[in-house]
Amino acid sequence: MAKGSQKGTEMRTRQIKTEESSGNVFADLRLANAEERLAKAGLAVRISAAIETLGLTQVGATPILSIDRPRISRLLRGQLSGFSPERLMHFLTLLGRDVEIVVKRTPRSRRQGRLRVIAA
């Protein structure tokens, strides 16, 4: 066997370390405010879906959301630093979506609560 082909075999059999996700990529990356970031991302996904379902363009969404097209573009691209969760929820209501907030006890398996966005 040629030396080069043996080395190639070794490289293919090397294992890559993996880690199971917590379900929150922002927490996995150890970013600050991971729960809020995940909730905002979920809200932005729902806003994008609502805009698409309504057949709106970014320009068409501007009078509804009362923000300019560049900010809508940032929102739809997931650049959410300038948007609070409350404002994103307000955008959903302006787009004809109900937003419900449910507060409940955490299961015994978790010490701390979590924040989630769930589409019905």
C-alpha atoms as a PDB file:
ATOM      1  CA  MET A   1       0.000   0.000   0.000  1.00  0.00           C
ATOM      2  CA  ALA A   2       1.342   3.434  -0.864  1.00  0.00           C
ATOM      3  CA  LYS A   3       2.253   5.708   2.014  1.00  0.00           C
ATOM      4  CA  GLY A   4      -0.063   8.530   0.862  1.00  0.00           C
ATOM      5  CA  SER A   5      -3.154   6.306   0.667  1.00  0.00           C
ATOM      6  CA  GLN A   6      -2.557   4.944   4.168  1.00  0.00           C
ATOM      7  CA  LYS A   7      -2.460   8.488   5.562  1.00  0.00           C
ATOM      8  CA  GLY A   8      -5.736   9.281   3.769  1.00  0.00           C
ATOM      9  CA  THR A   9      -7.389   6.284   5.436  1.00  0.00           C
ATOM     10  CA  GLU A  10      -6.242   7.453   8.849  1.00  0.00           C
ATOM     11  CA  MET A  11      -7.693  10.896   8.245  1.00  0.00           C
ATOM     12  CA  ARG A  12     -11.062   9.477   7.239  1.00  0.00           C
ATOM     13  CA  THR A  13     -11.369   7.324  10.363  1.00  0.00           C
ATOM     14  CA  ARG A  14     -10.537  10.113  12.818  1.00  0.00           C
ATOM     15  CA  GLN A  15     -13.545  10.927  14.954  1.00  0.00           C
ATOM     16  CA  ILE A  16     -14.881  14.413  15.416  1.00  0.00           C
ATOM     17  CA  LYS A  17     -15.977  15.369  18.914  1.00  0.00           C
ATOM     18  CA  THR A  18     -19.625  16.341  19.054  1.00  0.00           C
ATOM     19  CA  GLU A  19     -21.766  17.747  21.791  1.00  0.00           C
ATOM     20  CA  GLU A  20     -25.526  17.434  22.139  1.00  0.00           C
ATOM     21  CA  SER A  21     -27.348  20.740  21.834  1.00  0.00           C
ATOM     22  CA  SER A  22     -29.240  22.186  24.753  1.00  0.00           C
ATOM     23  CA  GLY A  23     -31.958  23.216  22.287  1.00  0.00           C
ATOM     24  CA  ASN A  24     -30.773  26.829  22.423  1.00  0.00           C
ATOM     25  CA  VAL A  25     -27.914  27.586  20.050  1.00  0.00           C
ATOM     26  CA  PHE A  26     -27.290  30.905  21.809  1.00  0.00           C
ATOM     27  CA  ALA A  27     -26.777  29.136  25.153  1.00  0.00           C
ATOM     28  CA  ASP A  28     -24.577  26.537  23.463  1.00  0.00           C
ATOM     29  CA  LEU A  29     -22.415  29.409  22.175  1.00  0.00           C
ATOM     30  CA  ARG A  30     -22.434  30.905  25.703  1.00  0.00           C
ATOM     31  CA  LEU A  31     -23.894  34.198  24.506  1.00  0.00           C
ATOM     32  CA  ALA A  32     -25.435  36.627  26.978  1.00  0.00           C
ATOM     33  CA  ASN A  33     -29.240  36.663  27.249  1.00  0.00           C
ATOM     34  CA  ALA A  34     -29.527  33.345  25.411  1.00  0.00           C
ATOM     35  CA  GLU A  35     -33.200  32.806  26.294  1.00  0.00           C
ATOM     36  CA  GLU A  36     -34.176  36.267  25.058  1.00  0.00           C
ATOM     37  CA  ARG A  37     -32.153  35.839  21.869  1.00  0.00           C
ATOM     38  CA  LEU A  38     -33.888  32.531  21.140  1.00  0.00           C
ATOM     39  CA  ALA A  39     -37.327  34.032  21.787  1.00  0.00           C
ATOM     40  CA  LYS A  40     -36.576  37.012  19.544  1.00  0.00           C
ATOM     41  CA  ALA A  41     -35.379  34.688  16.777  1.00  0.00           C
ATOM     42  CA  GLY A  42     -38.591  32.679  17.085  1.00  0.00           C
ATOM     43  CA  LEU A  43     -40.694  35.834  16.900  1.00  0.00           C
ATOM     44  CA  ALA A  44     -38.748  37.051  13.858  1.00  0.00           C
ATOM     45  CA  VAL A  45     -39.381  33.736  12.097  1.00  0.00           C
ATOM     46  CA  ARG A  46     -43.134  34.144  12.756  1.00  0.00           C
ATOM     47  CA  ILE A  47     -43.036  37.749  11.487  1.00  0.00           C
ATOM     48  CA  SER A  48     -41.308  36.628   8.302  1.00  0.00           C
ATOM     49  CA  ALA A  49     -43.884  33.877   7.805  1.00  0.00           C
ATOM     50  CA  ALA A  50     -46.766  36.317   8.378  1.00  0.00           C
ATOM     51  CA  ILE A  51     -45.356  38.798   5.865  1.00  0.00           C
ATOM     52  CA  GLU A  52     -44.981  36.010   3.316  1.00  0.00           C
ATOM     53  CA  THR A  53     -48.449  34.579   3.992  1.00  0.00           C
ATOM     54  CA  LEU A  54     -49.987  38.014   3.523  1.00  0.00           C
ATOM     55  CA  GLY A  55     -48.151  38.358   0.223  1.00  0.00           C
ATOM     56  CA  LEU A  56     -46.398  41.514   1.365  1.00  0.00           C
ATOM     57  CA  THR A  57     -43.099  42.858   0.150  1.00  0.00           C
ATOM     58  CA  GLN A  58     -40.760  44.667   2.520  1.00  0.00           C
ATOM     59  CA  VAL A  59     -42.047  47.951   1.108  1.00  0.00           C
ATOM     60  CA  GLY A  60     -45.631  46.750   1.548  1.00  0.00           C
ATOM     61  CA  ALA A  61     -44.974  45.892   5.192  1.00  0.00           C
ATOM     62  CA  THR A  62     -43.594  49.347   6.049  1.00  0.00           C
ATOM     63  CA  PRO A  63     -46.933  51.132   6.603  1.00  0.00           C
ATOM     64  CA  ILE A  64     -48.255  48.206   8.649  1.00  0.00           C
ATOM     65  CA  LEU A  65     -45.242  47.954  10.963  1.00  0.00           C
ATOM     66  CA  SER A  66     -44.472  51.710  10.908  1.00  0.00           C
ATOM     67  CA  ILE A  67     -40.753  51.146  10.321  1.00  0.00           C
ATOM     68  CA  ASP A  68     -38.669  51.813   7.236  1.00  0.00           C
ATOM     69  CA  ARG A  69     -37.676  49.176   4.677  1.00  0.00           C
ATOM     70  CA  PRO A  70     -34.027  48.880   5.801  1.00  0.00           C
ATOM     71  CA  ARG A  71     -35.176  48.013   9.339  1.00  0.00           C
ATOM     72  CA  ILE A  72     -37.621  45.433   7.962  1.00  0.00           C
ATOM     73  CA  SER A  73     -34.761  43.987   5.943  1.00  0.00           C
ATOM     74  CA  ARG A  74     -32.594  43.769   9.080  1.00  0.00           C
ATOM     75  CA  LEU A  75     -35.442  42.101  10.956  1.00  0.00           C
ATOM     76  CA  LEU A  76     -36.026  39.522   8.228  1.00  0.00           C
ATOM     77  CA  ARG A  77     -32.294  38.741   8.076  1.00  0.00           C
ATOM     78  CA  GLY A  78     -32.216  38.043  11.814  1.00  0.00           C
ATOM     79  CA  GLN A  79     -30.358  41.186  12.843  1.00  0.00           C
ATOM     80  CA  LEU A  80     -32.455  41.707  15.938  1.00  0.00           C
ATOM     81  CA  SER A  81     -30.280  43.856  18.226  1.00  0.00           C
ATOM     82  CA  GLY A  82     -32.487  46.936  17.721  1.00  0.00           C
ATOM     83  CA  PHE A  83     -35.758  45.133  18.474  1.00  0.00           C
ATOM     84  CA  SER A  84     -37.165  44.237  21.891  1.00  0.00           C
ATOM     85  CA  PRO A  85     -39.265  41.087  22.326  1.00  0.00           C
ATOM     86  CA  GLU A  86     -42.239  43.342  23.123  1.00  0.00           C
ATOM     87  CA  ARG A  87     -41.849  45.231  19.873  1.00  0.00           C
ATOM     88  CA  LEU A  88     -41.593  41.998  17.882  1.00  0.00           C
ATOM     89  CA  MET A  89     -44.800  40.758  19.543  1.00  0.00           C
ATOM     90  CA  HIS A  90     -46.469  44.056  18.631  1.00  0.00           C
ATOM     91  CA  PHE A  91     -45.408  43.580  14.998  1.00  0.00           C
ATOM     92  CA  LEU A  92     -47.116  40.176  15.027  1.00  0.00           C
ATOM     93  CA  THR A  93     -50.365  41.691  16.273  1.00  0.00           C
ATOM     94  CA  LEU A  94     -50.160  44.361  13.553  1.00  0.00           C
ATOM     95  CA  LEU A  95     -49.805  41.523  11.036  1.00  0.00           C
ATOM     96  CA  GLY A  96     -53.027  39.937  12.298  1.00  0.00           C
ATOM     97  CA  ARG A  97     -51.516  37.348  14.621  1.00  0.00           C
ATOM     98  CA  ASP A  98     -52.550  36.658  18.202  1.00  0.00           C
ATOM     99  CA  VAL A  99     -49.718  36.421  20.719  1.00  0.00           C
ATOM    100  CA  GLU A 100     -50.381  34.542  23.953  1.00  0.00           C
ATOM    101  CA  ILE A 101     -48.068  34.462  26.957  1.00  0.00           C
ATOM    102  CA  VAL A 102     -48.470  31.421  29.205  1.00  0.00           C
ATOM    103  CA  VAL A 103     -46.782  31.258  32.594  1.00  0.00           C
ATOM    104  CA  LYS A 104     -46.511  27.827  34.229  1.00  0.00           C
ATOM    105  CA  ARG A 105     -44.352  25.958  36.700  1.00  0.00           C
ATOM    106  CA  THR A 106     -41.207  24.292  35.464  1.00  0.00           C
ATOM    107  CA  PRO A 107     -41.036  20.513  35.654  1.00  0.00           C
ATOM    108  CA  ARG A 108     -39.015  19.054  38.533  1.00  0.00           C
ATOM    109  CA  SER A 109     -36.354  17.982  36.050  1.00  0.00           C
ATOM    110  CA  ARG A 110     -35.385  21.653  35.494  1.00  0.00           C
ATOM    111  CA  ARG A 111     -34.472  24.166  38.156  1.00  0.00           C
ATOM    112  CA  GLN A 112     -34.859  27.280  36.053  1.00  0.00           C
ATOM    113  CA  GLY A 113     -37.697  28.301  33.767  1.00  0.00           C
ATOM    114  CA  ARG A 114     -37.299  28.952  30.058  1.00  0.00           C
ATOM    115  CA  LEU A 115     -38.745  31.252  27.462  1.00  0.00           C
ATOM    116  CA  ARG A 116     -40.111  29.742  24.245  1.00  0.00           C
ATOM    117  CA  VAL A 117     -41.975  30.859  21.162  1.00  0.00           C
ATOM    118  CA  ILE A 118     -44.412  28.268  19.851  1.00  0.00           C
ATOM    119  CA  ALA A 119     -46.467  28.614  16.684  1.00  0.00           C
ATOM    120  CA  ALA A 120     -49.988  27.237  16.766  1.00  0.00           C
END
